[in-house]
Amino acid sequence: FVFFGTDEFAVIVLEELKKGGFTPTLIVTAPDKRKGRGLMLTPTPVKLWAQKNGIQFLQSQKLDDATSHKLQATSYDLFIVTSYGKILPKKILDIPKHGTLNVHPSLLPLFRGPSPIHSQILENTRIVGVTIMLMDEKIDHGPILAQQVLGFKIYDLRFKDLRDQLAHLGGRLLAETIPNWVAGNIDAKDQDHARATYTKIIKKEDGLVDIKNDDPEMLYRKFRAYKLWPNIFFLSKNKRVKITDAEFVNGEFRIKKVIPEGRKEITYKNFLKYI
């Protein structure tokens, strides 16, 4: 099978597949990007995983005819897509014998789209989980093969913690699902599209908060949801102050540490002394 993925979520799914005895023949991931102050060309986490495990990989800027021909050159049983970052056209979805499966970190049809993990934290969703879906041309629209609920409450979990928990759960569920799907033991069930909810692309400006007037609990949800990126920040004397540590106690959003623009991390108490 071919695995399409890019980020840390996809790496965890790959690790769980490997534990379950499933290693991809080929990995398709995004091209290297320039990052950091030095703008160094940086490989994706999935590319690094492929190199570490000695697996052939393909980095495509576009899923065009050339990519499609490369994938058609080998007879594949299955494609798997998780946290890849690009929409696969129908001509690629239809290449493998048993179709293209997707691991989605929500209980579809809820939280379709690009930011399901962020959105579940922001909405304080009580029951979260993962879905294994047979992909079609529409985003997160295809029939469901399997679903599983995460076995504990997410309250107080930050983005990375929830992402990792859902990735481990999704990877294990996928490893259980693959042999049953290929053997024809699973009937894919259409989603209840009338119940569908949708998420948006997270932008840097979504991290701007008003620490004096915003709802304290929502401030804490945003802090947890945006902890890796874009983080939450407020303006002080027209400069950004990033909140790096906080807690929610007795109905209050309490800031513990911050990074003022152009400075190193300090406690919030010390920050208040100098403004």
C-alpha atoms as a PDB file:
ATOM      1  CA  PHE A   1       0.000   0.000   0.000  1.00  0.00           C
ATOM      2  CA  VAL A   2       0.915   3.668  -0.390  1.00  0.00           C
ATOM      3  CA  PHE A   3       0.777   6.065   2.576  1.00  0.00           C
ATOM      4  CA  PHE A   4       0.101   9.784   2.035  1.00  0.00           C
ATOM      5  CA  GLY A   5       0.997  11.973   5.025  1.00  0.00           C
ATOM      6  CA  THR A   6       3.070  14.923   6.173  1.00  0.00           C
ATOM      7  CA  ASP A   7       3.087  15.872   9.845  1.00  0.00           C
ATOM      8  CA  GLU A   8       3.533  14.395  13.338  1.00  0.00           C
ATOM      9  CA  PHE A   9      -0.024  13.010  13.418  1.00  0.00           C
ATOM     10  CA  ALA A  10       0.777  10.930  10.338  1.00  0.00           C
ATOM     11  CA  VAL A  11       4.064   9.718  11.869  1.00  0.00           C
ATOM     12  CA  ILE A  12       2.220   8.341  14.914  1.00  0.00           C
ATOM     13  CA  VAL A  13      -0.256   6.557  12.627  1.00  0.00           C
ATOM     14  CA  LEU A  14       2.689   5.057  10.721  1.00  0.00           C
ATOM     15  CA  GLU A  15       4.233   3.834  13.977  1.00  0.00           C
ATOM     16  CA  GLU A  16       0.971   2.150  15.001  1.00  0.00           C
ATOM     17  CA  LEU A  17       0.666   0.525  11.572  1.00  0.00           C
ATOM     18  CA  LYS A  18       4.227  -0.748  11.875  1.00  0.00           C
ATOM     19  CA  LYS A  19       3.421  -2.255  15.296  1.00  0.00           C
ATOM     20  CA  GLY A  20       0.402  -3.937  13.709  1.00  0.00           C
ATOM     21  CA  GLY A  21       2.541  -5.475  10.964  1.00  0.00           C
ATOM     22  CA  PHE A  22       1.723  -3.032   8.159  1.00  0.00           C
ATOM     23  CA  THR A  23       4.548  -1.140   6.456  1.00  0.00           C
ATOM     24  CA  PRO A  24       3.897   0.921   3.317  1.00  0.00           C
ATOM     25  CA  THR A  25       5.637   0.128   0.061  1.00  0.00           C
ATOM     26  CA  LEU A  26       5.786   3.818  -0.821  1.00  0.00           C
ATOM     27  CA  ILE A  27       5.256   7.066   1.098  1.00  0.00           C
ATOM     28  CA  VAL A  28       4.006  10.259  -0.549  1.00  0.00           C
ATOM     29  CA  THR A  29       4.675  13.442   1.398  1.00  0.00           C
ATOM     30  CA  ALA A  30       4.934  17.194   0.875  1.00  0.00           C
ATOM     31  CA  PRO A  31       8.117  18.828  -0.460  1.00  0.00           C
ATOM     32  CA  ASP A  32      10.734  20.183   1.957  1.00  0.00           C
ATOM     33  CA  LYS A  33       9.974  23.723   3.192  1.00  0.00           C
ATOM     34  CA  ARG A  34      12.172  26.585   4.333  1.00  0.00           C
ATOM     35  CA  LYS A  35      11.686  27.215   8.056  1.00  0.00           C
ATOM     36  CA  GLY A  36      13.138  29.186  10.941  1.00  0.00           C
ATOM     37  CA  ARG A  37      15.173  32.362  10.971  1.00  0.00           C
ATOM     38  CA  GLY A  38      17.818  30.876   8.691  1.00  0.00           C
ATOM     39  CA  LEU A  39      15.146  29.610   6.263  1.00  0.00           C
ATOM     40  CA  MET A  40      16.793  26.205   6.161  1.00  0.00           C
ATOM     41  CA  LEU A  41      15.224  23.643   3.851  1.00  0.00           C
ATOM     42  CA  THR A  42      13.465  21.262   6.265  1.00  0.00           C
ATOM     43  CA  PRO A  43      12.027  17.803   5.463  1.00  0.00           C
ATOM     44  CA  THR A  44       8.571  16.795   6.669  1.00  0.00           C
ATOM     45  CA  PRO A  45       8.311  14.523   9.721  1.00  0.00           C
ATOM     46  CA  VAL A  46       6.929  11.779   7.466  1.00  0.00           C
ATOM     47  CA  LYS A  47       9.919  12.031   5.090  1.00  0.00           C
ATOM     48  CA  LEU A  48      12.247  11.639   8.074  1.00  0.00           C
ATOM     49  CA  TRP A  49      10.267   8.563   9.175  1.00  0.00           C
ATOM     50  CA  ALA A  50      10.525   7.079   5.672  1.00  0.00           C
ATOM     51  CA  GLN A  51      14.306   7.610   5.607  1.00  0.00           C
ATOM     52  CA  LYS A  52      14.714   6.142   9.093  1.00  0.00           C
ATOM     53  CA  ASN A  53      12.724   3.048   8.107  1.00  0.00           C
ATOM     54  CA  GLY A  54      14.296   2.607   4.669  1.00  0.00           C
ATOM     55  CA  ILE A  55      11.058   3.172   2.748  1.00  0.00           C
ATOM     56  CA  GLN A  56      10.915   4.729  -0.706  1.00  0.00           C
ATOM     57  CA  PHE A  57       9.251   8.147  -0.726  1.00  0.00           C
ATOM     58  CA  LEU A  58       7.860  10.565  -3.282  1.00  0.00           C
ATOM     59  CA  GLN A  59       7.578  14.335  -2.773  1.00  0.00           C
ATOM     60  CA  SER A  60       5.154  15.967  -5.166  1.00  0.00           C
ATOM     61  CA  GLN A  61       4.372  19.673  -5.398  1.00  0.00           C
ATOM     62  CA  LYS A  62       1.236  18.803  -7.343  1.00  0.00           C
ATOM     63  CA  LEU A  63      -0.807  15.611  -7.674  1.00  0.00           C
ATOM     64  CA  ASP A  64      -0.720  15.909 -11.443  1.00  0.00           C
ATOM     65  CA  ASP A  65      -0.678  13.428 -14.338  1.00  0.00           C
ATOM     66  CA  ALA A  66       3.023  12.697 -13.770  1.00  0.00           C
ATOM     67  CA  THR A  67       2.354  11.672 -10.147  1.00  0.00           C
ATOM     68  CA  SER A  68      -0.680   9.660 -11.211  1.00  0.00           C
ATOM     69  CA  HIS A  69       1.378   7.755 -13.824  1.00  0.00           C
ATOM     70  CA  LYS A  70       4.057   6.950 -11.229  1.00  0.00           C
ATOM     71  CA  LEU A  71       1.427   5.514  -8.882  1.00  0.00           C
ATOM     72  CA  GLN A  72      -0.258   3.554 -11.671  1.00  0.00           C
ATOM     73  CA  ALA A  73       3.050   1.944 -12.640  1.00  0.00           C
ATOM     74  CA  THR A  74       2.733  -0.448  -9.678  1.00  0.00           C
ATOM     75  CA  SER A  75      -0.312  -2.522  -8.774  1.00  0.00           C
ATOM     76  CA  TYR A  76      -1.299  -1.316  -5.292  1.00  0.00           C
ATOM     77  CA  ASP A  77      -3.969  -2.873  -3.072  1.00  0.00           C
ATOM     78  CA  LEU A  78      -4.668   0.221  -0.975  1.00  0.00           C
ATOM     79  CA  PHE A  79      -3.906   3.906  -0.451  1.00  0.00           C
ATOM     80  CA  ILE A  80      -3.997   5.429   3.044  1.00  0.00           C
ATOM     81  CA  VAL A  81      -4.237   9.175   3.619  1.00  0.00           C
ATOM     82  CA  THR A  82      -3.858  10.967   6.931  1.00  0.00           C
ATOM     83  CA  SER A  83      -2.875  14.569   7.615  1.00  0.00           C
ATOM     84  CA  TYR A  84      -1.411  14.928   4.121  1.00  0.00           C
ATOM     85  CA  GLY A  85      -2.435  18.519   3.394  1.00  0.00           C
ATOM     86  CA  LYS A  86      -3.500  18.108  -0.224  1.00  0.00           C
ATOM     87  CA  ILE A  87      -6.773  17.009  -1.821  1.00  0.00           C
ATOM     88  CA  LEU A  88      -6.451  13.800  -3.831  1.00  0.00           C
ATOM     89  CA  PRO A  89      -8.247  13.895  -7.217  1.00  0.00           C
ATOM     90  CA  LYS A  90     -10.542  11.032  -8.231  1.00  0.00           C
ATOM     91  CA  LYS A  91      -8.024   9.672 -10.749  1.00  0.00           C
ATOM     92  CA  ILE A  92      -5.649   8.967  -7.846  1.00  0.00           C
ATOM     93  CA  LEU A  93      -8.295   7.838  -5.338  1.00  0.00           C
ATOM     94  CA  ASP A  94      -9.422   5.154  -7.777  1.00  0.00           C
ATOM     95  CA  ILE A  95      -5.979   3.666  -8.547  1.00  0.00           C
ATOM     96  CA  PRO A  96      -5.723   0.998  -5.793  1.00  0.00           C
ATOM     97  CA  LYS A  97      -7.772  -2.203  -5.895  1.00  0.00           C
ATOM     98  CA  HIS A  98      -9.445  -1.609  -2.512  1.00  0.00           C
ATOM     99  CA  GLY A  99      -9.751   2.170  -2.688  1.00  0.00           C
ATOM    100  CA  THR A 100      -8.290   4.921  -0.511  1.00  0.00           C
ATOM    101  CA  LEU A 101      -8.791   5.001   3.260  1.00  0.00           C
ATOM    102  CA  ASN A 102      -8.488   8.034   5.522  1.00  0.00           C
ATOM    103  CA  VAL A 103      -7.885   8.393   9.264  1.00  0.00           C
ATOM    104  CA  HIS A 104      -9.830  11.437  10.478  1.00  0.00           C
ATOM    105  CA  PRO A 105      -9.478  12.709  14.079  1.00  0.00           C
ATOM    106  CA  SER A 106     -13.174  13.221  14.799  1.00  0.00           C
ATOM    107  CA  LEU A 107     -16.390  11.237  14.881  1.00  0.00           C
ATOM    108  CA  LEU A 108     -17.634  12.040  11.390  1.00  0.00           C
ATOM    109  CA  PRO A 109     -19.822  13.614  10.129  1.00  0.00           C
ATOM    110  CA  LEU A 110     -18.890  16.027  12.941  1.00  0.00           C
ATOM    111  CA  PHE A 111     -15.896  18.329  12.508  1.00  0.00           C
ATOM    112  CA  ARG A 112     -15.166  17.855   8.833  1.00  0.00           C
ATOM    113  CA  GLY A 113     -12.411  19.969   7.308  1.00  0.00           C
ATOM    114  CA  PRO A 114      -8.909  21.222   8.123  1.00  0.00           C
ATOM    115  CA  SER A 115      -8.953  21.780  11.915  1.00  0.00           C
ATOM    116  CA  PRO A 116     -10.985  19.070  13.694  1.00  0.00           C
ATOM    117  CA  ILE A 117      -8.671  18.796  16.723  1.00  0.00           C
ATOM    118  CA  HIS A 118      -8.513  22.546  17.352  1.00  0.00           C
ATOM    119  CA  SER A 119     -12.275  22.817  16.917  1.00  0.00           C
ATOM    120  CA  GLN A 120     -13.106  20.011  19.349  1.00  0.00           C
ATOM    121  CA  ILE A 121     -11.060  21.783  22.037  1.00  0.00           C
ATOM    122  CA  LEU A 122     -12.606  25.170  21.259  1.00  0.00           C
ATOM    123  CA  GLU A 123     -16.124  23.735  21.465  1.00  0.00           C
ATOM    124  CA  ASN A 124     -15.293  21.739  24.615  1.00  0.00           C
ATOM    125  CA  THR A 125     -16.613  18.600  22.936  1.00  0.00           C
ATOM    126  CA  ARG A 126     -17.397  15.938  25.532  1.00  0.00           C
ATOM    127  CA  ILE A 127     -17.019  12.867  23.317  1.00  0.00           C
ATOM    128  CA  VAL A 128     -14.196  12.726  20.776  1.00  0.00           C
ATOM    129  CA  GLY A 129     -12.778   9.933  18.660  1.00  0.00           C
ATOM    130  CA  VAL A 130     -11.516   8.836  15.257  1.00  0.00           C
ATOM    131  CA  THR A 131     -13.037   7.639  12.008  1.00  0.00           C
ATOM    132  CA  ILE A 132     -11.702   5.325   9.293  1.00  0.00           C
ATOM    133  CA  MET A 133     -13.355   6.398   6.068  1.00  0.00           C
ATOM    134  CA  LEU A 134     -13.362   5.320   2.418  1.00  0.00           C
ATOM    135  CA  MET A 135     -12.482   8.527   0.597  1.00  0.00           C
ATOM    136  CA  ASP A 136     -14.481  10.065  -2.223  1.00  0.00           C
ATOM    137  CA  GLU A 137     -14.015  13.351  -4.106  1.00  0.00           C
ATOM    138  CA  LYS A 138     -15.604  15.516  -1.400  1.00  0.00           C
ATOM    139  CA  ILE A 139     -13.776  16.511   1.791  1.00  0.00           C
ATOM    140  CA  ASP A 140     -14.419  14.085   4.686  1.00  0.00           C
ATOM    141  CA  HIS A 141     -17.595  12.949   2.930  1.00  0.00           C
ATOM    142  CA  GLY A 142     -17.015   9.256   2.166  1.00  0.00           C
ATOM    143  CA  PRO A 143     -18.621   6.217   3.810  1.00  0.00           C
ATOM    144  CA  ILE A 144     -17.454   5.054   7.239  1.00  0.00           C
ATOM    145  CA  LEU A 145     -15.648   1.749   7.837  1.00  0.00           C
ATOM    146  CA  ALA A 146     -14.961   2.089  11.580  1.00  0.00           C
ATOM    147  CA  GLN A 147     -15.146   4.560  14.458  1.00  0.00           C
ATOM    148  CA  GLN A 148     -13.828   4.547  18.014  1.00  0.00           C
ATOM    149  CA  VAL A 149     -14.307   6.917  20.930  1.00  0.00           C
ATOM    150  CA  LEU A 150     -11.320   8.143  22.937  1.00  0.00           C
ATOM    151  CA  GLY A 151     -11.683   6.596  26.361  1.00  0.00           C
ATOM    152  CA  PHE A 152     -11.268   9.673  28.565  1.00  0.00           C
ATOM    153  CA  LYS A 153     -12.365  13.296  28.819  1.00  0.00           C
ATOM    154  CA  ILE A 154     -10.348  15.867  26.916  1.00  0.00           C
ATOM    155  CA  TYR A 155     -10.843  18.713  29.377  1.00  0.00           C
ATOM    156  CA  ASP A 156      -7.468  20.279  30.185  1.00  0.00           C
ATOM    157  CA  LEU A 157      -5.683  18.493  27.304  1.00  0.00           C
ATOM    158  CA  ARG A 158      -3.630  20.788  25.103  1.00  0.00           C
ATOM    159  CA  PHE A 159      -3.484  20.442  21.312  1.00  0.00           C
ATOM    160  CA  LYS A 160      -0.382  18.239  21.122  1.00  0.00           C
ATOM    161  CA  ASP A 161      -1.666  15.849  23.802  1.00  0.00           C
ATOM    162  CA  LEU A 162      -5.049  15.420  22.137  1.00  0.00           C
ATOM    163  CA  ARG A 163      -3.471  15.139  18.678  1.00  0.00           C
ATOM    164  CA  ASP A 164      -1.144  12.381  19.847  1.00  0.00           C
ATOM    165  CA  GLN A 165      -3.908  10.473  21.661  1.00  0.00           C
ATOM    166  CA  LEU A 166      -6.153  10.563  18.591  1.00  0.00           C
ATOM    167  CA  ALA A 167      -3.282   9.572  16.284  1.00  0.00           C
ATOM    168  CA  HIS A 168      -2.418   6.509  18.390  1.00  0.00           C
ATOM    169  CA  LEU A 169      -6.098   5.535  18.544  1.00  0.00           C
ATOM    170  CA  GLY A 170      -6.549   6.100  14.796  1.00  0.00           C
ATOM    171  CA  GLY A 171      -3.433   4.117  13.910  1.00  0.00           C
ATOM    172  CA  ARG A 172      -4.478   1.147  16.019  1.00  0.00           C
ATOM    173  CA  LEU A 173      -8.008   1.215  14.622  1.00  0.00           C
ATOM    174  CA  LEU A 174      -6.648   1.403  11.073  1.00  0.00           C
ATOM    175  CA  ALA A 175      -4.382  -1.604  11.669  1.00  0.00           C
ATOM    176  CA  GLU A 176      -7.434  -3.560  12.854  1.00  0.00           C
ATOM    177  CA  THR A 177      -9.575  -2.361   9.953  1.00  0.00           C
ATOM    178  CA  ILE A 178      -7.246  -2.980   6.987  1.00  0.00           C
ATOM    179  CA  PRO A 179      -7.349  -6.812   6.926  1.00  0.00           C
ATOM    180  CA  ASN A 180     -11.116  -6.902   7.443  1.00  0.00           C
ATOM    181  CA  TRP A 181     -11.696  -4.325   4.711  1.00  0.00           C
ATOM    182  CA  VAL A 182      -9.434  -6.066   2.200  1.00  0.00           C
ATOM    183  CA  ALA A 183     -11.082  -9.435   3.005  1.00  0.00           C
ATOM    184  CA  GLY A 184     -14.516  -7.958   2.290  1.00  0.00           C
ATOM    185  CA  ASN A 185     -15.774  -8.302   5.870  1.00  0.00           C
ATOM    186  CA  ILE A 186     -16.785  -4.642   6.303  1.00  0.00           C
ATOM    187  CA  ASP A 187     -19.763  -2.878   4.769  1.00  0.00           C
ATOM    188  CA  ALA A 188     -19.000   0.833   4.443  1.00  0.00           C
ATOM    189  CA  LYS A 189     -21.875   2.949   5.790  1.00  0.00           C
ATOM    190  CA  ASP A 190     -22.838   6.331   4.370  1.00  0.00           C
ATOM    191  CA  GLN A 191     -22.481   9.283   6.709  1.00  0.00           C
ATOM    192  CA  ASP A 192     -25.543  11.133   7.943  1.00  0.00           C
ATOM    193  CA  HIS A 193     -24.736  14.236   5.925  1.00  0.00           C
ATOM    194  CA  ALA A 194     -27.569  16.249   7.516  1.00  0.00           C
ATOM    195  CA  ARG A 195     -25.609  16.153  10.822  1.00  0.00           C
ATOM    196  CA  ALA A 196     -22.338  17.362   9.294  1.00  0.00           C
ATOM    197  CA  THR A 197     -20.416  20.208  10.915  1.00  0.00           C
ATOM    198  CA  TYR A 198     -17.405  21.969   9.430  1.00  0.00           C
ATOM    199  CA  THR A 199     -14.122  23.462  10.612  1.00  0.00           C
ATOM    200  CA  LYS A 200     -12.024  26.308   9.199  1.00  0.00           C
ATOM    201  CA  ILE A 201      -8.360  26.878   8.429  1.00  0.00           C
ATOM    202  CA  ILE A 202      -6.605  28.294  11.496  1.00  0.00           C
ATOM    203  CA  LYS A 203      -4.856  31.612  10.822  1.00  0.00           C
ATOM    204  CA  LYS A 204      -2.227  33.478  12.820  1.00  0.00           C
ATOM    205  CA  GLU A 205      -4.647  36.253  13.733  1.00  0.00           C
ATOM    206  CA  ASP A 206      -6.957  33.712  15.408  1.00  0.00           C
ATOM    207  CA  GLY A 207      -4.456  33.721  18.289  1.00  0.00           C
ATOM    208  CA  LEU A 208      -5.117  37.365  19.201  1.00  0.00           C
ATOM    209  CA  VAL A 209      -7.059  37.603  22.485  1.00  0.00           C
ATOM    210  CA  ASP A 210      -8.339  40.328  24.803  1.00  0.00           C
ATOM    211  CA  ILE A 211      -7.281  39.149  28.272  1.00  0.00           C
ATOM    212  CA  LYS A 212      -9.412  41.802  29.998  1.00  0.00           C
ATOM    213  CA  ASN A 213     -12.716  41.332  28.209  1.00  0.00           C
ATOM    214  CA  ASP A 214     -12.790  37.834  26.652  1.00  0.00           C
ATOM    215  CA  ASP A 215     -14.597  35.017  28.453  1.00  0.00           C
ATOM    216  CA  PRO A 216     -12.064  33.361  30.831  1.00  0.00           C
ATOM    217  CA  GLU A 217     -13.020  29.800  29.914  1.00  0.00           C
ATOM    218  CA  MET A 218     -12.836  30.556  26.187  1.00  0.00           C
ATOM    219  CA  LEU A 219      -9.409  32.095  26.745  1.00  0.00           C
ATOM    220  CA  TYR A 220      -8.283  28.822  28.283  1.00  0.00           C
ATOM    221  CA  ARG A 221      -9.788  26.790  25.444  1.00  0.00           C
ATOM    222  CA  LYS A 222      -7.967  28.965  22.903  1.00  0.00           C
ATOM    223  CA  PHE A 223      -4.732  28.606  24.878  1.00  0.00           C
ATOM    224  CA  ARG A 224      -5.078  24.801  24.744  1.00  0.00           C
ATOM    225  CA  ALA A 225      -6.244  24.641  21.116  1.00  0.00           C
ATOM    226  CA  TYR A 226      -3.579  26.961  19.715  1.00  0.00           C
ATOM    227  CA  LYS A 227      -0.678  25.813  21.915  1.00  0.00           C
ATOM    228  CA  LEU A 228       1.553  24.640  19.052  1.00  0.00           C
ATOM    229  CA  TRP A 229       0.376  27.214  16.505  1.00  0.00           C
ATOM    230  CA  PRO A 230      -0.503  30.042  16.269  1.00  0.00           C
ATOM    231  CA  ASN A 231      -0.360  30.279  20.100  1.00  0.00           C
ATOM    232  CA  ILE A 232      -2.417  32.975  21.818  1.00  0.00           C
ATOM    233  CA  PHE A 233      -1.128  36.488  22.315  1.00  0.00           C
ATOM    234  CA  PHE A 234      -2.303  39.913  23.465  1.00  0.00           C
ATOM    235  CA  LEU A 235      -1.121  43.411  22.642  1.00  0.00           C
ATOM    236  CA  SER A 236       0.731  45.580  25.137  1.00  0.00           C
ATOM    237  CA  LYS A 237       1.943  49.000  23.953  1.00  0.00           C
ATOM    238  CA  ASN A 238       1.341  47.808  20.384  1.00  0.00           C
ATOM    239  CA  LYS A 239       3.683  44.827  20.854  1.00  0.00           C
ATOM    240  CA  ARG A 240       2.711  41.161  20.866  1.00  0.00           C
ATOM    241  CA  VAL A 241       2.976  39.222  24.102  1.00  0.00           C
ATOM    242  CA  LYS A 242       2.721  35.444  23.620  1.00  0.00           C
ATOM    243  CA  ILE A 243       1.167  33.442  26.472  1.00  0.00           C
ATOM    244  CA  THR A 244       3.280  30.309  26.937  1.00  0.00           C
ATOM    245  CA  ASP A 245       1.778  28.880  30.123  1.00  0.00           C
ATOM    246  CA  ALA A 246      -1.608  29.357  31.777  1.00  0.00           C
ATOM    247  CA  GLU A 247      -4.259  27.621  33.843  1.00  0.00           C
ATOM    248  CA  PHE A 248      -7.986  27.870  34.544  1.00  0.00           C
ATOM    249  CA  VAL A 249      -8.740  27.973  38.266  1.00  0.00           C
ATOM    250  CA  ASN A 250     -11.997  28.858  40.012  1.00  0.00           C
ATOM    251  CA  GLY A 251     -13.419  30.418  36.877  1.00  0.00           C
ATOM    252  CA  GLU A 252     -10.323  32.533  36.246  1.00  0.00           C
ATOM    253  CA  PHE A 253      -7.850  32.416  33.366  1.00  0.00           C
ATOM    254  CA  ARG A 254      -4.490  32.755  35.076  1.00  0.00           C
ATOM    255  CA  ILE A 255      -1.440  33.576  32.980  1.00  0.00           C
ATOM    256  CA  LYS A 256       1.778  32.044  34.303  1.00  0.00           C
ATOM    257  CA  LYS A 257       4.455  32.745  31.655  1.00  0.00           C
ATOM    258  CA  VAL A 258       4.767  34.994  28.602  1.00  0.00           C
ATOM    259  CA  ILE A 259       7.224  35.929  25.854  1.00  0.00           C
ATOM    260  CA  PRO A 260       7.093  39.675  25.136  1.00  0.00           C
ATOM    261  CA  GLU A 261       7.967  40.557  21.529  1.00  0.00           C
ATOM    262  CA  GLY A 262      11.752  40.648  21.118  1.00  0.00           C
ATOM    263  CA  ARG A 263      12.446  39.251  24.585  1.00  0.00           C
ATOM    264  CA  LYS A 264      12.885  35.900  26.334  1.00  0.00           C
ATOM    265  CA  GLU A 265      10.241  34.014  28.321  1.00  0.00           C
ATOM    266  CA  ILE A 266       9.483  35.504  31.743  1.00  0.00           C
ATOM    267  CA  THR A 267       6.855  34.970  34.422  1.00  0.00           C
ATOM    268  CA  TYR A 268       3.705  37.017  34.021  1.00  0.00           C
ATOM    269  CA  LYS A 269       4.301  38.581  37.449  1.00  0.00           C
ATOM    270  CA  ASN A 270       7.665  39.936  36.299  1.00  0.00           C
ATOM    271  CA  PHE A 271       6.137  41.129  33.023  1.00  0.00           C
ATOM    272  CA  LEU A 272       3.565  43.181  34.948  1.00  0.00           C
ATOM    273  CA  LYS A 273       6.353  44.934  36.879  1.00  0.00           C
ATOM    274  CA  TYR A 274       7.834  46.429  33.744  1.00  0.00           C
ATOM    275  CA  ILE A 275       4.796  47.579  31.786  1.00  0.00           C
END
